[in-house]
Amino acid sequence: MAKTPAAKPSYPADFETMSLDELAQLHHHLSRHLEERKQARIKELQAELMSLGATPDGPILVGRGSPARSGGAAKPDTSIQAMSRSKGPAKSAGGFVGNGKATRAKPKITHRGPNGETWTSRGAQPRWLKALVAEGKKSDDFKVAE
Protein backbone atom coordinates (compact mmCIF):
# COMPACT_ATOMS: atom_id res chain seq x y z
CA MET A 1 0.00 0.00 0.00
CA ALA A 2 1.76 3.13 -1.24
CA LYS A 3 1.51 6.23 0.88
CA THR A 4 0.58 9.52 -0.69
CA PRO A 5 2.87 12.45 -0.02
CA ALA A 6 1.87 14.19 3.18
CA ALA A 7 -0.03 17.41 2.64
CA LYS A 8 1.31 20.52 4.30
CA PRO A 9 -0.37 20.81 7.69
CA SER A 10 -3.10 23.43 7.93
CA TYR A 11 -2.26 24.34 11.52
CA PRO A 12 0.39 26.79 12.66
CA ALA A 13 3.80 25.38 13.49
CA ASP A 14 3.83 27.24 16.79
CA PHE A 15 1.02 26.15 19.10
CA GLU A 16 1.97 28.90 21.52
CA THR A 17 0.21 31.43 19.28
CA MET A 18 -3.11 29.52 19.42
CA SER A 19 -5.80 30.33 21.96
CA LEU A 20 -7.04 27.66 24.37
CA ASP A 21 -10.30 27.42 22.41
CA GLU A 22 -8.40 26.85 19.16
CA LEU A 23 -6.23 24.19 20.80
CA ALA A 24 -9.32 22.49 22.27
CA GLN A 25 -11.00 22.46 18.84
CA LEU A 26 -7.86 21.04 17.24
CA HIS A 27 -7.65 18.38 19.95
CA HIS A 28 -11.29 17.44 19.43
CA HIS A 29 -10.82 17.27 15.66
CA LEU A 30 -7.69 15.13 15.95
CA SER A 31 -9.29 12.79 18.50
CA ARG A 32 -12.31 12.26 16.26
CA HIS A 33 -10.10 11.75 13.20
CA LEU A 34 -7.87 9.25 15.03
CA GLU A 35 -10.91 7.28 16.24
CA GLU A 36 -12.33 7.16 12.69
CA ARG A 37 -8.98 5.93 11.32
CA LYS A 38 -8.73 3.33 14.08
CA GLN A 39 -12.24 2.03 13.36
CA ALA A 40 -11.48 1.91 9.61
CA ARG A 41 -8.32 -0.12 10.31
CA ILE A 42 -10.26 -2.49 12.56
CA LYS A 43 -12.76 -3.05 9.73
CA GLU A 44 -9.88 -3.72 7.30
CA LEU A 45 -8.37 -6.27 9.67
CA GLN A 46 -11.75 -7.91 10.28
CA ALA A 47 -12.25 -8.25 6.51
CA GLU A 48 -8.78 -9.76 6.19
CA LEU A 49 -9.51 -12.23 9.00
CA MET A 50 -12.79 -13.19 7.33
CA SER A 51 -10.95 -13.77 4.03
CA LEU A 52 -8.58 -16.09 5.93
CA GLY A 53 -11.50 -18.15 7.24
CA ALA A 54 -12.31 -16.60 10.60
CA THR A 55 -15.93 -16.46 11.67
CA PRO A 56 -17.44 -13.35 13.26
CA ASP A 57 -17.96 -15.04 16.63
CA GLY A 58 -15.38 -17.82 16.37
CA PRO A 59 -11.95 -18.04 17.94
CA ILE A 60 -8.93 -16.61 16.23
CA LEU A 61 -6.68 -19.50 15.29
CA VAL A 62 -2.91 -19.47 15.64
CA GLY A 63 -0.12 -21.70 14.37
CA ARG A 64 -1.53 -24.84 12.76
CA GLY A 65 -5.13 -24.10 13.50
CA SER A 66 -5.12 -24.51 17.26
CA PRO A 67 -7.18 -21.99 19.24
CA ALA A 68 -5.22 -19.33 21.09
CA ARG A 69 -4.97 -20.20 24.80
CA SER A 70 -3.85 -18.44 27.93
CA GLY A 71 -1.97 -21.27 29.62
CA GLY A 72 -4.84 -23.11 31.28
CA ALA A 73 -6.77 -20.20 32.74
CA ALA A 74 -10.24 -19.32 31.58
CA LYS A 75 -10.33 -19.11 27.80
CA PRO A 76 -10.34 -15.47 26.68
CA ASP A 77 -12.96 -14.14 24.28
CA THR A 78 -11.04 -13.99 20.99
CA SER A 79 -13.96 -13.30 18.69
CA ILE A 80 -13.59 -10.53 16.16
CA GLN A 81 -16.14 -8.40 18.00
CA ALA A 82 -14.28 -8.82 21.28
CA MET A 83 -11.02 -7.85 19.63
CA SER A 84 -12.56 -4.71 18.17
CA ARG A 85 -14.05 -3.74 21.56
CA SER A 86 -10.73 -4.18 23.30
CA LYS A 87 -8.99 -1.08 24.59
CA GLY A 88 -5.68 -2.92 25.01
CA PRO A 89 -4.27 -5.85 26.95
CA ALA A 90 -6.21 -6.46 30.13
CA LYS A 91 -4.71 -7.79 33.31
CA SER A 92 -6.49 -10.92 34.39
CA ALA A 93 -6.61 -12.92 37.57
CA GLY A 94 -5.18 -16.39 37.83
CA GLY A 95 -1.47 -15.72 37.63
CA PHE A 96 -1.40 -13.97 34.28
CA VAL A 97 -0.16 -10.49 33.58
CA GLY A 98 -1.13 -8.16 30.75
CA ASN A 99 1.38 -9.59 28.32
CA GLY A 100 -0.18 -13.07 28.62
CA LYS A 101 2.76 -14.67 30.38
CA ALA A 102 2.15 -16.77 33.46
CA THR A 103 3.68 -15.75 36.77
CA ARG A 104 4.86 -18.28 39.32
CA ALA A 105 4.58 -18.20 43.06
CA LYS A 106 7.88 -18.00 44.91
CA PRO A 107 8.92 -21.39 46.28
CA LYS A 108 8.70 -21.77 50.05
CA ILE A 109 11.88 -21.82 52.09
CA THR A 110 12.44 -25.34 53.42
CA HIS A 111 15.84 -24.98 55.15
CA ARG A 112 17.39 -22.10 57.08
CA GLY A 113 21.05 -21.99 58.09
CA PRO A 114 22.55 -20.67 61.34
CA ASN A 115 23.59 -17.39 59.66
CA GLY A 116 20.23 -16.79 57.96
CA GLU A 117 21.01 -18.65 54.73
CA THR A 118 17.99 -20.19 53.03
CA TRP A 119 17.25 -23.04 50.63
CA THR A 120 14.01 -24.06 48.93
CA SER A 121 15.05 -27.69 48.29
CA ARG A 122 15.21 -26.91 44.58
CA GLY A 123 18.41 -27.42 42.69
CA ALA A 124 21.71 -28.58 44.15
CA GLN A 125 22.28 -28.53 47.88
CA PRO A 126 23.90 -25.18 48.80
CA ARG A 127 27.50 -24.98 50.01
CA TRP A 128 26.57 -23.83 53.49
CA LEU A 129 24.38 -26.92 53.99
CA LYS A 130 26.97 -29.26 52.45
CA ALA A 131 29.60 -27.92 54.88
CA LEU A 132 27.30 -28.45 57.87
CA VAL A 133 26.46 -32.01 56.74
CA ALA A 134 30.21 -32.68 56.30
CA GLU A 135 30.68 -31.62 59.96
CA GLY A 136 28.27 -34.38 60.96
CA LYS A 137 25.00 -32.48 61.25
CA LYS A 138 21.82 -33.61 59.50
CA SER A 139 20.05 -31.50 56.87
CA ASP A 140 16.78 -32.18 58.71
CA ASP A 141 18.17 -30.18 61.64
CA PHE A 142 17.82 -27.05 59.48
CA LYS A 143 14.31 -27.69 58.15
CA VAL A 144 11.88 -24.84 58.60
CA ALA A 145 8.74 -25.74 60.53
CA GLU A 146 5.63 -25.15 58.43
C-alpha atoms as a PDB file:
ATOM      1  CA  MET A   1       0.000   0.000   0.000  1.00  0.00           C
ATOM      2  CA  ALA A   2       1.764   3.135  -1.237  1.00  0.00           C
ATOM      3  CA  LYS A   3       1.509   6.234   0.885  1.00  0.00           C
ATOM      4  CA  THR A   4       0.579   9.516  -0.688  1.00  0.00           C
ATOM      5  CA  PRO A   5       2.866  12.448  -0.017  1.00  0.00           C
ATOM      6  CA  ALA A   6       1.872  14.192   3.176  1.00  0.00           C
ATOM      7  CA  ALA A   7      -0.031  17.412   2.640  1.00  0.00           C
ATOM      8  CA  LYS A   8       1.311  20.522   4.296  1.00  0.00           C
ATOM      9  CA  PRO A   9      -0.372  20.808   7.690  1.00  0.00           C
ATOM     10  CA  SER A  10      -3.100  23.433   7.929  1.00  0.00           C
ATOM     11  CA  TYR A  11      -2.259  24.343  11.524  1.00  0.00           C
ATOM     12  CA  PRO A  12       0.390  26.787  12.663  1.00  0.00           C
ATOM     13  CA  ALA A  13       3.799  25.384  13.485  1.00  0.00           C
ATOM     14  CA  ASP A  14       3.829  27.238  16.793  1.00  0.00           C
ATOM     15  CA  PHE A  15       1.018  26.149  19.097  1.00  0.00           C
ATOM     16  CA  GLU A  16       1.975  28.900  21.519  1.00  0.00           C
ATOM     17  CA  THR A  17       0.213  31.429  19.284  1.00  0.00           C
ATOM     18  CA  MET A  18      -3.106  29.525  19.418  1.00  0.00           C
ATOM     19  CA  SER A  19      -5.796  30.327  21.965  1.00  0.00           C
ATOM     20  CA  LEU A  20      -7.036  27.659  24.370  1.00  0.00           C
ATOM     21  CA  ASP A  21     -10.301  27.421  22.408  1.00  0.00           C
ATOM     22  CA  GLU A  22      -8.403  26.847  19.162  1.00  0.00           C
ATOM     23  CA  LEU A  23      -6.232  24.193  20.799  1.00  0.00           C
ATOM     24  CA  ALA A  24      -9.318  22.486  22.265  1.00  0.00           C
ATOM     25  CA  GLN A  25     -10.996  22.456  18.843  1.00  0.00           C
ATOM     26  CA  LEU A  26      -7.860  21.041  17.242  1.00  0.00           C
ATOM     27  CA  HIS A  27      -7.650  18.384  19.952  1.00  0.00           C
ATOM     28  CA  HIS A  28     -11.295  17.442  19.432  1.00  0.00           C
ATOM     29  CA  HIS A  29     -10.823  17.272  15.656  1.00  0.00           C
ATOM     30  CA  LEU A  30      -7.689  15.130  15.947  1.00  0.00           C
ATOM     31  CA  SER A  31      -9.292  12.791  18.501  1.00  0.00           C
ATOM     32  CA  ARG A  32     -12.306  12.259  16.258  1.00  0.00           C
ATOM     33  CA  HIS A  33     -10.096  11.748  13.201  1.00  0.00           C
ATOM     34  CA  LEU A  34      -7.875   9.246  15.027  1.00  0.00           C
ATOM     35  CA  GLU A  35     -10.908   7.284  16.235  1.00  0.00           C
ATOM     36  CA  GLU A  36     -12.334   7.164  12.691  1.00  0.00           C
ATOM     37  CA  ARG A  37      -8.981   5.935  11.320  1.00  0.00           C
ATOM     38  CA  LYS A  38      -8.729   3.326  14.076  1.00  0.00           C
ATOM     39  CA  GLN A  39     -12.244   2.030  13.359  1.00  0.00           C
ATOM     40  CA  ALA A  40     -11.478   1.906   9.611  1.00  0.00           C
ATOM     41  CA  ARG A  41      -8.325  -0.118  10.310  1.00  0.00           C
ATOM     42  CA  ILE A  42     -10.265  -2.492  12.560  1.00  0.00           C
ATOM     43  CA  LYS A  43     -12.761  -3.051   9.733  1.00  0.00           C
ATOM     44  CA  GLU A  44      -9.884  -3.721   7.304  1.00  0.00           C
ATOM     45  CA  LEU A  45      -8.370  -6.272   9.672  1.00  0.00           C
ATOM     46  CA  GLN A  46     -11.753  -7.913  10.278  1.00  0.00           C
ATOM     47  CA  ALA A  47     -12.252  -8.249   6.515  1.00  0.00           C
ATOM     48  CA  GLU A  48      -8.776  -9.765   6.192  1.00  0.00           C
ATOM     49  CA  LEU A  49      -9.505 -12.228   9.004  1.00  0.00           C
ATOM     50  CA  MET A  50     -12.786 -13.188   7.326  1.00  0.00           C
ATOM     51  CA  SER A  51     -10.948 -13.774   4.028  1.00  0.00           C
ATOM     52  CA  LEU A  52      -8.582 -16.092   5.926  1.00  0.00           C
ATOM     53  CA  GLY A  53     -11.498 -18.152   7.240  1.00  0.00           C
ATOM     54  CA  ALA A  54     -12.308 -16.603  10.604  1.00  0.00           C
ATOM     55  CA  THR A  55     -15.934 -16.462  11.670  1.00  0.00           C
ATOM     56  CA  PRO A  56     -17.442 -13.347  13.255  1.00  0.00           C
ATOM     57  CA  ASP A  57     -17.964 -15.038  16.634  1.00  0.00           C
ATOM     58  CA  GLY A  58     -15.384 -17.818  16.372  1.00  0.00           C
ATOM     59  CA  PRO A  59     -11.953 -18.044  17.943  1.00  0.00           C
ATOM     60  CA  ILE A  60      -8.932 -16.606  16.233  1.00  0.00           C
ATOM     61  CA  LEU A  61      -6.680 -19.500  15.291  1.00  0.00           C
ATOM     62  CA  VAL A  62      -2.908 -19.472  15.640  1.00  0.00           C
ATOM     63  CA  GLY A  63      -0.124 -21.701  14.372  1.00  0.00           C
ATOM     64  CA  ARG A  64      -1.528 -24.845  12.756  1.00  0.00           C
ATOM     65  CA  GLY A  65      -5.127 -24.103  13.499  1.00  0.00           C
ATOM     66  CA  SER A  66      -5.118 -24.508  17.261  1.00  0.00           C
ATOM     67  CA  PRO A  67      -7.180 -21.990  19.244  1.00  0.00           C
ATOM     68  CA  ALA A  68      -5.222 -19.325  21.088  1.00  0.00           C
ATOM     69  CA  ARG A  69      -4.974 -20.201  24.800  1.00  0.00           C
ATOM     70  CA  SER A  70      -3.847 -18.440  27.925  1.00  0.00           C
ATOM     71  CA  GLY A  71      -1.974 -21.267  29.620  1.00  0.00           C
ATOM     72  CA  GLY A  72      -4.840 -23.106  31.278  1.00  0.00           C
ATOM     73  CA  ALA A  73      -6.770 -20.205  32.739  1.00  0.00           C
ATOM     74  CA  ALA A  74     -10.243 -19.316  31.578  1.00  0.00           C
ATOM     75  CA  LYS A  75     -10.328 -19.113  27.801  1.00  0.00           C
ATOM     76  CA  PRO A  76     -10.339 -15.472  26.679  1.00  0.00           C
ATOM     77  CA  ASP A  77     -12.964 -14.137  24.277  1.00  0.00           C
ATOM     78  CA  THR A  78     -11.038 -13.987  20.990  1.00  0.00           C
ATOM     79  CA  SER A  79     -13.956 -13.301  18.687  1.00  0.00           C
ATOM     80  CA  ILE A  80     -13.588 -10.529  16.156  1.00  0.00           C
ATOM     81  CA  GLN A  81     -16.142  -8.398  18.004  1.00  0.00           C
ATOM     82  CA  ALA A  82     -14.281  -8.822  21.280  1.00  0.00           C
ATOM     83  CA  MET A  83     -11.017  -7.854  19.633  1.00  0.00           C
ATOM     84  CA  SER A  84     -12.556  -4.709  18.168  1.00  0.00           C
ATOM     85  CA  ARG A  85     -14.046  -3.744  21.558  1.00  0.00           C
ATOM     86  CA  SER A  86     -10.732  -4.176  23.303  1.00  0.00           C
ATOM     87  CA  LYS A  87      -8.986  -1.079  24.585  1.00  0.00           C
ATOM     88  CA  GLY A  88      -5.681  -2.918  25.007  1.00  0.00           C
ATOM     89  CA  PRO A  89      -4.273  -5.848  26.952  1.00  0.00           C
ATOM     90  CA  ALA A  90      -6.207  -6.456  30.131  1.00  0.00           C
ATOM     91  CA  LYS A  91      -4.710  -7.793  33.313  1.00  0.00           C
ATOM     92  CA  SER A  92      -6.494 -10.924  34.392  1.00  0.00           C
ATOM     93  CA  ALA A  93      -6.611 -12.919  37.569  1.00  0.00           C
ATOM     94  CA  GLY A  94      -5.181 -16.387  37.833  1.00  0.00           C
ATOM     95  CA  GLY A  95      -1.465 -15.716  37.633  1.00  0.00           C
ATOM     96  CA  PHE A  96      -1.398 -13.974  34.278  1.00  0.00           C
ATOM     97  CA  VAL A  97      -0.157 -10.491  33.581  1.00  0.00           C
ATOM     98  CA  GLY A  98      -1.133  -8.163  30.746  1.00  0.00           C
ATOM     99  CA  ASN A  99       1.377  -9.588  28.317  1.00  0.00           C
ATOM    100  CA  GLY A 100      -0.185 -13.066  28.620  1.00  0.00           C
ATOM    101  CA  LYS A 101       2.760 -14.670  30.381  1.00  0.00           C
ATOM    102  CA  ALA A 102       2.149 -16.769  33.458  1.00  0.00           C
ATOM    103  CA  THR A 103       3.679 -15.753  36.769  1.00  0.00           C
ATOM    104  CA  ARG A 104       4.859 -18.280  39.320  1.00  0.00           C
ATOM    105  CA  ALA A 105       4.575 -18.198  43.058  1.00  0.00           C
ATOM    106  CA  LYS A 106       7.884 -17.999  44.909  1.00  0.00           C
ATOM    107  CA  PRO A 107       8.924 -21.385  46.284  1.00  0.00           C
ATOM    108  CA  LYS A 108       8.700 -21.767  50.053  1.00  0.00           C
ATOM    109  CA  ILE A 109      11.882 -21.819  52.093  1.00  0.00           C
ATOM    110  CA  THR A 110      12.438 -25.340  53.418  1.00  0.00           C
ATOM    111  CA  HIS A 111      15.837 -24.977  55.145  1.00  0.00           C
ATOM    112  CA  ARG A 112      17.391 -22.096  57.078  1.00  0.00           C
ATOM    113  CA  GLY A 113      21.049 -21.992  58.090  1.00  0.00           C
ATOM    114  CA  PRO A 114      22.552 -20.673  61.339  1.00  0.00           C
ATOM    115  CA  ASN A 115      23.594 -17.394  59.656  1.00  0.00           C
ATOM    116  CA  GLY A 116      20.233 -16.789  57.958  1.00  0.00           C
ATOM    117  CA  GLU A 117      21.009 -18.653  54.727  1.00  0.00           C
ATOM    118  CA  THR A 118      17.986 -20.186  53.026  1.00  0.00           C
ATOM    119  CA  TRP A 119      17.254 -23.045  50.628  1.00  0.00           C
ATOM    120  CA  THR A 120      14.008 -24.058  48.931  1.00  0.00           C
ATOM    121  CA  SER A 121      15.053 -27.689  48.292  1.00  0.00           C
ATOM    122  CA  ARG A 122      15.215 -26.910  44.584  1.00  0.00           C
ATOM    123  CA  GLY A 123      18.408 -27.424  42.693  1.00  0.00           C
ATOM    124  CA  ALA A 124      21.705 -28.580  44.155  1.00  0.00           C
ATOM    125  CA  GLN A 125      22.280 -28.531  47.882  1.00  0.00           C
ATOM    126  CA  PRO A 126      23.898 -25.183  48.805  1.00  0.00           C
ATOM    127  CA  ARG A 127      27.502 -24.985  50.010  1.00  0.00           C
ATOM    128  CA  TRP A 128      26.572 -23.835  53.489  1.00  0.00           C
ATOM    129  CA  LEU A 129      24.380 -26.921  53.991  1.00  0.00           C
ATOM    130  CA  LYS A 130      26.974 -29.261  52.455  1.00  0.00           C
ATOM    131  CA  ALA A 131      29.599 -27.924  54.885  1.00  0.00           C
ATOM    132  CA  LEU A 132      27.302 -28.450  57.874  1.00  0.00           C
ATOM    133  CA  VAL A 133      26.464 -32.007  56.742  1.00  0.00           C
ATOM    134  CA  ALA A 134      30.208 -32.680  56.304  1.00  0.00           C
ATOM    135  CA  GLU A 135      30.682 -31.616  59.959  1.00  0.00           C
ATOM    136  CA  GLY A 136      28.271 -34.380  60.965  1.00  0.00           C
ATOM    137  CA  LYS A 137      25.003 -32.480  61.248  1.00  0.00           C
ATOM    138  CA  LYS A 138      21.820 -33.606  59.499  1.00  0.00           C
ATOM    139  CA  SER A 139      20.049 -31.497  56.867  1.00  0.00           C
ATOM    140  CA  ASP A 140      16.777 -32.180  58.713  1.00  0.00           C
ATOM    141  CA  ASP A 141      18.165 -30.175  61.642  1.00  0.00           C
ATOM    142  CA  PHE A 142      17.819 -27.051  59.477  1.00  0.00           C
ATOM    143  CA  LYS A 143      14.313 -27.690  58.149  1.00  0.00           C
ATOM    144  CA  VAL A 144      11.879 -24.839  58.596  1.00  0.00           C
ATOM    145  CA  ALA A 145       8.736 -25.737  60.531  1.00  0.00           C
ATOM    146  CA  GLU A 146       5.630 -25.154  58.427  1.00  0.00           C
END
